[in-house]
Amino acid sequence: KGQVAAVDPRWKFLVLNVGENQGAKERGVVMVRRGDKLVGKARIVSVEANRSVANVLPAWKQGDVAVATGDQVLY
C-alpha cells in the first residue's frame, strides 16, 4: 500500500510514495482508491528507491472523480 504524493492533472501523471524498496515495478498497474471506492488505475512508468511515477489509465477513470493527492494506492 502507498499514497499519491502529487498529481499533475494536465499531463495525467501521479507521483507515488512507493518505489523499488516497497516492491513497486516498472509497467506495473496500481489501483487508486479513496475510502472504499475505486477512483482510477495507473501504470507505473518510472521507479526510484522510494517513489515512482505513474500515468493514469483513461479507460479506468470513474466519471468526473479525479485522482487526488492523499488517495490510497494498492499495487
N, C-alpha and C. Protein backbone atom coordinates (compact mmCIF):
# COMPACT_ATOMS: atom_id res chain seq x y z
N LYS A 1 0.83 -1.19 0.00
CA LYS A 1 0.00 0.00 0.00
C LYS A 1 0.87 1.25 0.00
N GLY A 2 0.34 2.29 -0.55
CA GLY A 2 1.02 3.57 -0.56
C GLY A 2 0.02 4.68 -0.77
N GLN A 3 0.53 5.87 -1.10
CA GLN A 3 -0.33 7.02 -1.32
C GLN A 3 0.14 7.81 -2.52
N VAL A 4 -0.81 8.56 -3.08
CA VAL A 4 -0.50 9.50 -4.15
C VAL A 4 0.14 10.71 -3.48
N ALA A 5 1.39 11.02 -3.82
CA ALA A 5 2.11 12.14 -3.21
C ALA A 5 1.87 13.43 -3.98
N ALA A 6 1.65 13.33 -5.30
CA ALA A 6 1.41 14.52 -6.13
C ALA A 6 0.66 14.10 -7.38
N VAL A 7 -0.11 15.05 -7.92
CA VAL A 7 -0.89 14.80 -9.14
C VAL A 7 -0.64 15.95 -10.11
N ASP A 8 -0.44 15.60 -11.38
CA ASP A 8 -0.38 16.61 -12.43
C ASP A 8 -1.58 16.37 -13.34
N PRO A 9 -2.68 17.12 -13.14
CA PRO A 9 -3.90 16.87 -13.92
C PRO A 9 -3.73 17.19 -15.41
N ARG A 10 -2.84 18.12 -15.72
CA ARG A 10 -2.65 18.49 -17.13
C ARG A 10 -2.04 17.34 -17.92
N TRP A 11 -0.99 16.71 -17.38
CA TRP A 11 -0.30 15.62 -18.07
C TRP A 11 -0.75 14.26 -17.59
N LYS A 12 -1.66 14.23 -16.62
CA LYS A 12 -2.28 12.99 -16.12
C LYS A 12 -1.26 11.98 -15.60
N PHE A 13 -0.33 12.48 -14.78
CA PHE A 13 0.58 11.54 -14.13
C PHE A 13 0.54 11.76 -12.62
N LEU A 14 0.98 10.73 -11.91
CA LEU A 14 0.97 10.72 -10.45
C LEU A 14 2.37 10.44 -9.94
N VAL A 15 2.71 11.02 -8.81
CA VAL A 15 3.92 10.64 -8.09
C VAL A 15 3.43 9.84 -6.88
N LEU A 16 3.96 8.64 -6.72
CA LEU A 16 3.54 7.75 -5.64
C LEU A 16 4.65 7.64 -4.60
N ASN A 17 4.27 7.46 -3.34
CA ASN A 17 5.27 7.36 -2.28
C ASN A 17 5.76 5.92 -2.07
N VAL A 18 5.67 5.11 -3.10
CA VAL A 18 6.20 3.74 -3.07
C VAL A 18 7.17 3.58 -4.23
N GLY A 19 8.21 2.83 -4.00
CA GLY A 19 9.22 2.61 -5.04
C GLY A 19 9.76 1.20 -4.99
N GLU A 20 10.94 1.04 -5.53
CA GLU A 20 11.57 -0.28 -5.61
C GLU A 20 11.70 -0.93 -4.23
N ASN A 21 12.05 -0.14 -3.21
CA ASN A 21 12.21 -0.68 -1.86
C ASN A 21 10.91 -1.24 -1.29
N GLN A 22 9.77 -0.76 -1.80
CA GLN A 22 8.47 -1.24 -1.33
C GLN A 22 7.86 -2.27 -2.28
N GLY A 23 8.57 -2.63 -3.34
CA GLY A 23 8.11 -3.67 -4.26
C GLY A 23 7.45 -3.16 -5.53
N ALA A 24 7.43 -1.87 -5.77
CA ALA A 24 6.84 -1.33 -7.00
C ALA A 24 7.71 -1.73 -8.19
N LYS A 25 7.07 -2.04 -9.30
CA LYS A 25 7.77 -2.47 -10.50
C LYS A 25 7.36 -1.59 -11.69
N GLU A 26 8.33 -1.28 -12.55
CA GLU A 26 8.03 -0.53 -13.76
C GLU A 26 7.05 -1.34 -14.61
N ARG A 27 6.08 -0.66 -15.20
CA ARG A 27 5.00 -1.21 -16.02
C ARG A 27 3.93 -1.90 -15.19
N GLY A 28 4.06 -1.88 -13.86
CA GLY A 28 3.02 -2.45 -13.01
C GLY A 28 1.79 -1.54 -12.99
N VAL A 29 0.64 -2.14 -12.76
CA VAL A 29 -0.60 -1.38 -12.68
C VAL A 29 -1.01 -1.26 -11.22
N VAL A 30 -1.38 -0.06 -10.81
CA VAL A 30 -1.84 0.18 -9.45
C VAL A 30 -3.29 0.63 -9.47
N MET A 31 -4.02 0.26 -8.43
CA MET A 31 -5.39 0.74 -8.25
C MET A 31 -5.34 1.92 -7.28
N VAL A 32 -6.10 2.95 -7.59
CA VAL A 32 -6.16 4.13 -6.74
C VAL A 32 -7.55 4.20 -6.14
N ARG A 33 -7.61 4.30 -4.82
CA ARG A 33 -8.91 4.36 -4.17
C ARG A 33 -8.97 5.46 -3.14
N ARG A 34 -10.17 5.90 -2.90
CA ARG A 34 -10.45 6.91 -1.88
C ARG A 34 -11.51 6.29 -0.99
N GLY A 35 -11.13 6.03 0.26
CA GLY A 35 -12.05 5.31 1.14
C GLY A 35 -12.24 3.91 0.60
N ASP A 36 -13.49 3.53 0.36
CA ASP A 36 -13.76 2.19 -0.17
C ASP A 36 -14.14 2.21 -1.65
N LYS A 37 -13.89 3.35 -2.34
CA LYS A 37 -14.25 3.46 -3.76
C LYS A 37 -13.02 3.52 -4.65
N LEU A 38 -13.06 2.77 -5.75
CA LEU A 38 -12.02 2.84 -6.76
C LEU A 38 -12.19 4.14 -7.53
N VAL A 39 -11.13 4.94 -7.61
CA VAL A 39 -11.21 6.20 -8.36
C VAL A 39 -10.38 6.17 -9.64
N GLY A 40 -9.60 5.11 -9.85
CA GLY A 40 -8.83 5.01 -11.08
C GLY A 40 -7.75 3.95 -10.99
N LYS A 41 -7.09 3.76 -12.13
CA LYS A 41 -5.93 2.88 -12.21
C LYS A 41 -4.83 3.63 -12.94
N ALA A 42 -3.60 3.23 -12.67
CA ALA A 42 -2.45 3.88 -13.30
C ALA A 42 -1.36 2.85 -13.57
N ARG A 43 -0.55 3.12 -14.60
CA ARG A 43 0.58 2.24 -14.92
C ARG A 43 1.87 2.95 -14.54
N ILE A 44 2.71 2.26 -13.78
CA ILE A 44 3.99 2.81 -13.34
C ILE A 44 4.94 2.89 -14.53
N VAL A 45 5.52 4.08 -14.73
CA VAL A 45 6.44 4.28 -15.87
C VAL A 45 7.88 4.51 -15.42
N SER A 46 8.08 4.85 -14.15
CA SER A 46 9.42 5.12 -13.65
C SER A 46 9.47 4.76 -12.17
N VAL A 47 10.52 4.03 -11.77
CA VAL A 47 10.64 3.61 -10.37
C VAL A 47 11.98 4.05 -9.81
N GLU A 48 11.95 4.68 -8.65
CA GLU A 48 13.17 5.02 -7.90
C GLU A 48 13.11 4.23 -6.59
N ALA A 49 14.06 4.45 -5.71
CA ALA A 49 14.13 3.67 -4.47
C ALA A 49 12.86 3.78 -3.63
N ASN A 50 12.37 5.01 -3.42
CA ASN A 50 11.23 5.20 -2.53
C ASN A 50 10.09 6.00 -3.13
N ARG A 51 10.07 6.10 -4.45
CA ARG A 51 8.94 6.75 -5.11
C ARG A 51 8.87 6.27 -6.55
N SER A 52 7.73 6.50 -7.15
CA SER A 52 7.55 6.13 -8.55
C SER A 52 6.60 7.11 -9.22
N VAL A 53 6.62 7.09 -10.55
CA VAL A 53 5.74 7.94 -11.35
C VAL A 53 4.85 7.02 -12.17
N ALA A 54 3.57 7.35 -12.23
CA ALA A 54 2.61 6.52 -12.95
C ALA A 54 1.70 7.39 -13.80
N ASN A 55 1.28 6.85 -14.94
CA ASN A 55 0.32 7.52 -15.81
C ASN A 55 -1.07 6.99 -15.54
N VAL A 56 -2.04 7.89 -15.40
CA VAL A 56 -3.43 7.49 -15.20
C VAL A 56 -3.92 6.80 -16.46
N LEU A 57 -4.61 5.67 -16.29
CA LEU A 57 -5.18 4.94 -17.43
C LEU A 57 -6.57 5.50 -17.70
N PRO A 58 -6.78 6.18 -18.84
CA PRO A 58 -8.05 6.86 -19.10
C PRO A 58 -9.24 5.92 -19.13
N ALA A 59 -9.06 4.68 -19.54
CA ALA A 59 -10.18 3.74 -19.61
C ALA A 59 -10.75 3.41 -18.23
N TRP A 60 -9.98 3.66 -17.18
CA TRP A 60 -10.42 3.33 -15.82
C TRP A 60 -10.87 4.54 -15.03
N LYS A 61 -10.99 5.69 -15.68
CA LYS A 61 -11.46 6.88 -14.99
C LYS A 61 -12.89 6.66 -14.53
N GLN A 62 -13.20 7.05 -13.31
CA GLN A 62 -14.51 6.84 -12.73
C GLN A 62 -15.34 8.13 -12.80
N GLY A 63 -16.00 8.34 -13.92
CA GLY A 63 -16.85 9.52 -14.08
C GLY A 63 -16.04 10.80 -13.97
N ASP A 64 -16.56 11.76 -13.20
CA ASP A 64 -15.89 13.04 -13.01
C ASP A 64 -14.94 13.03 -11.81
N VAL A 65 -14.77 11.89 -11.16
CA VAL A 65 -13.90 11.80 -9.99
C VAL A 65 -12.45 11.73 -10.46
N ALA A 66 -11.64 12.67 -9.99
CA ALA A 66 -10.23 12.70 -10.37
C ALA A 66 -9.37 12.19 -9.22
N VAL A 67 -8.28 11.54 -9.56
CA VAL A 67 -7.31 11.10 -8.56
C VAL A 67 -6.74 12.33 -7.87
N ALA A 68 -6.59 12.27 -6.55
CA ALA A 68 -6.12 13.42 -5.78
C ALA A 68 -4.98 13.03 -4.85
N THR A 69 -4.18 14.02 -4.47
CA THR A 69 -3.12 13.81 -3.50
C THR A 69 -3.72 13.22 -2.23
N GLY A 70 -3.07 12.17 -1.70
CA GLY A 70 -3.55 11.53 -0.49
C GLY A 70 -4.39 10.29 -0.74
N ASP A 71 -4.83 10.06 -1.99
CA ASP A 71 -5.56 8.83 -2.29
C ASP A 71 -4.67 7.63 -2.05
N GLN A 72 -5.27 6.51 -1.69
CA GLN A 72 -4.53 5.30 -1.38
C GLN A 72 -4.21 4.53 -2.66
N VAL A 73 -3.02 3.93 -2.71
CA VAL A 73 -2.58 3.16 -3.86
C VAL A 73 -2.38 1.71 -3.44
N LEU A 74 -2.94 0.79 -4.21
CA LEU A 74 -2.73 -0.63 -3.99
C LEU A 74 -2.00 -1.19 -5.20
N TYR A 75 -0.90 -1.90 -4.96
CA TYR A 75 -0.11 -2.43 -6.07
C TYR A 75 0.25 -3.87 -5.84
